[in-house]
Protein backbone atom coordinates (compact mmCIF):
# COMPACT_ATOMS: atom_id res chain seq x y z
CA UNK A 1 257.84 -5.31 -31.77
CA UNK A 2 256.68 -5.61 -34.78
CA UNK A 3 257.49 -8.74 -36.94
CA UNK A 4 257.11 -8.59 -40.70
CA UNK A 5 256.73 -11.77 -42.85
CA UNK A 6 257.20 -11.16 -46.66
CA UNK A 7 255.11 -13.88 -48.93
CA UNK A 8 255.58 -14.86 -52.66
CA UNK A 9 252.64 -13.83 -54.48
CA UNK A 10 251.07 -9.89 -55.24
CA UNK A 11 251.40 -7.91 -52.21
CA UNK A 12 250.87 -3.85 -52.13
CA UNK A 13 253.40 -1.12 -53.40
CA UNK A 14 255.72 -0.23 -51.23
CA UNK A 15 254.63 3.15 -51.08
CA UNK A 16 251.07 2.09 -50.59
CA UNK A 17 252.36 0.97 -46.85
CA UNK A 18 254.18 4.19 -46.12
CA UNK A 19 250.71 5.27 -43.81
CA UNK A 20 250.61 1.90 -42.22
CA UNK A 21 254.40 1.53 -41.25
CA UNK A 22 254.03 5.60 -39.71
CA UNK A 23 251.15 4.20 -37.67
CA UNK A 24 252.19 0.68 -36.64
CA UNK A 25 255.64 1.50 -36.78
CA UNK A 26 259.13 -0.17 -38.50
CA UNK A 27 259.81 -3.75 -38.71
CA UNK A 28 261.92 -4.39 -35.77
CA UNK A 29 261.99 -8.22 -37.08
CA UNK A 30 261.98 -9.37 -41.06
CA UNK A 31 261.19 -12.61 -42.14
CA UNK A 32 261.20 -13.65 -46.29
CA UNK A 33 259.78 -16.29 -46.89
CA UNK A 34 261.04 -18.00 -50.95
CA UNK A 35 259.86 -15.43 -53.33
CA UNK A 36 258.79 -13.38 -50.93
CA UNK A 37 262.86 -12.05 -50.31
CA UNK A 38 262.18 -10.08 -54.00
CA UNK A 39 259.04 -8.33 -52.68
CA UNK A 40 261.21 -7.59 -49.44
CA UNK A 41 264.08 -6.05 -51.81
CA UNK A 42 261.95 -3.70 -53.39
CA UNK A 43 260.52 -2.67 -49.96
CA UNK A 44 264.18 -2.12 -49.17
CA UNK A 45 264.51 0.41 -52.27
CA UNK A 46 261.52 2.14 -51.52
CA UNK A 47 262.17 2.66 -47.66
CA UNK A 48 265.85 1.56 -47.70
CA UNK A 49 267.49 -1.29 -46.82
CA UNK A 50 268.16 -0.12 -43.03
CA UNK A 51 264.40 -0.53 -42.46
CA UNK A 52 263.66 -3.78 -44.47
CA UNK A 53 266.50 -6.09 -44.56
CA UNK A 54 265.97 -9.63 -43.93
CA UNK A 55 267.06 -11.23 -40.70
CA UNK A 56 265.90 -14.18 -41.39
CA UNK A 57 265.56 -16.41 -45.21
CA UNK A 58 263.43 -19.54 -45.50
CA UNK A 59 261.90 -21.34 -47.38
CA UNK A 60 262.66 -23.91 -50.82
CA UNK A 61 263.77 -20.84 -52.94
CA UNK A 62 261.97 -22.78 -56.16
CA UNK A 63 260.33 -19.68 -56.70
CA UNK A 64 262.81 -16.98 -55.95
CA UNK A 65 263.23 -14.60 -59.60
CA UNK A 66 266.47 -13.43 -58.30
CA UNK A 67 268.96 -15.74 -56.47
CA UNK A 68 271.24 -12.79 -56.31
CA UNK A 69 269.41 -11.91 -53.33
CA UNK A 70 270.90 -14.49 -51.33
CA UNK A 71 274.39 -13.29 -51.34
CA UNK A 72 273.60 -9.49 -50.97
CA UNK A 73 271.74 -10.59 -47.86
CA UNK A 74 274.26 -13.05 -47.01
CA UNK A 75 274.26 -11.76 -42.97
CA UNK A 76 270.38 -13.28 -42.47
CA UNK A 77 270.31 -16.36 -41.10
CA UNK A 78 268.84 -18.81 -44.13
CA UNK A 79 266.73 -22.12 -43.05
CA UNK A 80 266.39 -23.47 -47.03
CA UNK A 81 263.89 -26.50 -46.60
CA UNK A 82 263.19 -29.47 -49.17
CA UNK A 83 260.48 -28.57 -52.21
CA UNK A 84 258.19 -31.43 -50.74
CA UNK A 85 257.31 -30.69 -47.44
CA UNK A 86 254.24 -31.05 -44.87
CA UNK A 87 254.37 -27.22 -44.17
CA UNK A 88 254.20 -24.57 -46.95
CA UNK A 89 256.92 -21.55 -46.94
CA UNK A 90 254.18 -19.55 -45.86
CA UNK A 91 253.33 -21.78 -42.91
CA UNK A 92 257.19 -22.36 -42.35
CA UNK A 93 257.23 -18.10 -41.73
CA UNK A 94 254.87 -17.73 -40.05
CA UNK A 95 255.92 -20.50 -37.32
CA UNK A 96 259.66 -18.54 -37.39
CA UNK A 97 257.60 -15.09 -36.77
CA UNK A 98 255.08 -16.46 -33.80
CA UNK A 99 258.48 -17.81 -32.28
CA UNK A 100 259.71 -14.25 -32.07
CA UNK A 101 256.29 -12.95 -30.18
CA UNK A 102 256.22 -12.79 -26.42
CA UNK A 103 252.83 -10.98 -25.97
CA UNK A 104 249.40 -10.03 -27.39
CA UNK A 105 251.85 -6.82 -28.03
CA UNK A 106 254.03 -8.00 -30.77
CA UNK A 107 252.54 -7.72 -34.24
CA UNK A 108 252.89 -9.46 -37.22
CA UNK A 109 252.11 -8.14 -40.51
CA UNK A 110 252.18 -10.74 -43.39
CA UNK A 111 252.94 -8.86 -46.91
CA UNK A 112 252.04 -10.96 -50.09
CA UNK A 113 250.05 -13.86 -51.02
CA UNK A 114 247.86 -12.03 -53.31
CA UNK A 115 248.22 -13.79 -56.60
CA UNK A 116 244.70 -14.43 -58.08
CA UNK A 117 245.07 -18.48 -57.05
CA UNK A 118 241.74 -19.48 -54.75
CA UNK A 119 243.98 -22.50 -53.28
CA UNK A 120 246.64 -20.31 -52.20
CA UNK A 121 244.27 -17.75 -50.49
CA UNK A 122 242.34 -20.21 -48.65
CA UNK A 123 245.65 -21.54 -47.56
CA UNK A 124 246.56 -18.92 -46.39
CA UNK A 125 243.00 -17.95 -44.87
CA UNK A 126 242.93 -20.77 -43.03
CA UNK A 127 245.84 -19.93 -40.91
CA UNK A 128 244.16 -17.19 -38.98
CA UNK A 129 242.16 -20.33 -37.16
CA UNK A 130 245.21 -21.31 -35.68
CA UNK A 131 247.17 -20.65 -32.69
CA UNK A 132 250.05 -19.43 -35.64
CA UNK A 133 249.34 -16.42 -37.56
CA UNK A 134 249.65 -12.95 -38.85
CA UNK A 135 247.46 -9.86 -36.76
CA UNK A 136 247.29 -8.00 -40.15
CA UNK A 137 247.93 -9.30 -43.79
CA UNK A 138 248.42 -6.91 -46.75
CA UNK A 139 247.29 -8.39 -49.66
CA UNK A 140 246.87 -6.67 -52.84
CA UNK A 141 245.12 -3.34 -51.77
CA UNK A 142 243.47 -4.54 -48.90
CA UNK A 143 244.52 -5.00 -45.22
CA UNK A 144 242.77 -7.97 -43.32
CA UNK A 145 242.94 -7.66 -39.65
CA UNK A 146 243.16 -10.50 -37.66
CA UNK A 147 240.10 -9.96 -34.30
CA UNK A 148 239.85 -12.65 -31.47
CA UNK A 149 237.87 -12.38 -29.02
CA UNK A 150 237.89 -9.64 -27.24
CA UNK A 151 239.77 -7.71 -29.86
CA UNK A 152 239.13 -4.27 -31.49
CA UNK A 153 240.13 -1.96 -34.27
CA UNK A 154 239.84 1.74 -35.39
CA UNK A 155 239.72 2.29 -38.96
CA UNK A 156 239.82 6.41 -39.91
CA UNK A 157 240.47 8.21 -43.11
CA UNK A 158 237.73 5.91 -44.88
CA UNK A 159 235.38 7.50 -48.06
CA UNK A 160 231.86 6.52 -48.56
CA UNK A 161 233.25 4.67 -51.67
CA UNK A 162 235.76 2.36 -49.26
CA UNK A 163 234.55 -0.95 -49.23
CA UNK A 164 234.77 -2.48 -45.45
CA UNK A 165 234.23 -6.25 -45.04
CA UNK A 166 234.19 -8.78 -42.28
CA UNK A 167 234.06 -12.63 -42.17
CA UNK A 168 234.31 -15.11 -39.69
CA UNK A 169 237.57 -17.40 -39.55
CA UNK A 170 237.52 -20.91 -41.02
CA UNK A 171 235.37 -23.52 -38.62
CA UNK A 172 233.17 -21.23 -37.42
CA UNK A 173 230.14 -20.41 -39.57
CA UNK A 174 227.52 -19.21 -36.66
CA UNK A 175 229.67 -18.70 -33.77
CA UNK A 176 230.31 -15.36 -31.76
CA UNK A 177 229.13 -11.80 -32.85
CA UNK A 178 230.35 -8.48 -34.01
CA UNK A 179 230.13 -5.08 -32.44
CA UNK A 180 230.68 -1.61 -34.77
CA UNK A 181 230.35 1.98 -34.57
CA UNK A 182 229.91 4.19 -37.58
CA UNK A 183 229.10 1.65 -40.14
CA UNK A 184 226.46 2.45 -42.30
CA UNK A 185 225.40 -1.07 -41.38
CA UNK A 186 225.88 -1.51 -38.24
CA UNK A 187 225.92 -4.54 -35.09
CA UNK A 188 222.01 -5.05 -35.28
CA UNK A 189 222.57 -5.79 -39.34
CA UNK A 190 225.08 -7.80 -38.93
CA UNK A 191 224.65 -11.64 -40.60
CA UNK A 192 224.58 -14.13 -37.39
CA UNK A 193 225.64 -16.85 -39.25
CA UNK A 194 228.31 -17.14 -42.37
CA UNK A 195 230.23 -13.89 -43.76
CA UNK A 196 229.02 -10.81 -41.55
CA UNK A 197 229.06 -7.86 -43.53
CA UNK A 198 229.92 -7.68 -46.91
CA UNK A 199 230.76 -4.40 -48.54
CA UNK A 200 229.95 -2.59 -45.89
CA UNK A 201 231.20 1.33 -45.60
CA UNK A 202 231.48 4.22 -43.24
CA UNK A 203 228.24 5.88 -42.17
CA UNK A 204 227.37 9.47 -44.00
CA UNK A 205 227.22 10.84 -40.39
CA UNK A 206 230.60 9.55 -39.23
CA UNK A 207 232.60 10.46 -42.54
CA UNK A 208 231.18 14.28 -42.43
CA UNK A 209 232.08 14.26 -38.79
CA UNK A 210 235.36 12.20 -39.88
CA UNK A 211 235.08 10.00 -36.79
CA UNK A 212 236.86 6.52 -37.09
CA UNK A 213 235.24 3.50 -37.51
CA UNK A 214 235.62 0.81 -34.70
CA UNK A 215 234.86 -3.10 -35.11
CA UNK A 216 235.20 -5.55 -31.76
CA UNK A 217 234.97 -8.75 -31.87
CA UNK A 218 233.41 -11.30 -29.27
CA UNK A 219 233.12 -14.96 -28.67
CA UNK A 220 235.34 -15.90 -31.92
CA UNK A 221 237.67 -14.54 -34.72
CA UNK A 222 237.01 -12.36 -37.01
CA UNK A 223 238.99 -10.71 -40.19
CA UNK A 224 238.34 -7.33 -41.37
CA UNK A 225 239.14 -6.04 -44.69
CA UNK A 226 239.66 -2.87 -45.48
CA UNK A 227 241.90 0.00 -47.22
CA UNK A 228 245.36 -0.44 -45.90
CA UNK A 229 245.52 3.44 -45.40
CA UNK A 230 243.12 3.20 -43.17
CA UNK A 231 244.07 0.75 -40.51
CA UNK A 232 245.63 2.32 -37.13
CA UNK A 233 247.96 1.56 -34.58
CA UNK A 234 244.58 1.35 -32.36
CA UNK A 235 243.97 -2.30 -32.61
CA UNK A 236 244.38 -4.76 -30.16
CA UNK A 237 242.92 -6.44 -27.31
CA UNK A 238 239.93 -4.52 -25.33
CA UNK A 239 240.76 -1.09 -27.03
CA UNK A 240 237.09 -0.37 -27.85
CA UNK A 241 236.32 3.39 -27.38
CA UNK A 242 233.93 3.56 -24.46
């Protein structure tokens, strides 16, 4: 099952996500949080309304630009909340998505949230340290891929100019480790505390051989930042190639 949550803030253009959805599969359940409904409507215009139609609309709607969308998507379940509340619209949306997840195989993709406000970015970043989080966050032109203990991802089609960065999730400054194949600065060069790797890149050998880059997490959870187009369906628990 592929659950997709649209939130407010800057998101990738729909055409920049074509390869992602062709690899990870189209949405099987879709949630729009507040002005994420504006973004979802743009995706519906590009991919077709049958592919991107909200099942649930959630939030206080204080940032929604086109309120006529509430009528256009009148068959969606609407969970309207007050503006003054303990949880953000993003957190409410993630809770709704998590309630649909039955196993690790159910993927949650978060789209939006990259609006230049550091407080909003940190708020989303901190969700990856909780039990209610997305698997992949598409923000701007980057994907942030969550790796829990024993989880792996493969990235392909990387060019030498593409950046691959790896961060620990909040509250874990010096725990866990990363194993990688195909990066210019491999596992032995990763920092033992803080951000393990900033602006890494595919190795010359892997690029010339057109080999994928693999990244695996051990003992803690991490975020891998990479171009959206490089994310493959070879993602999940214990899927690292031998």
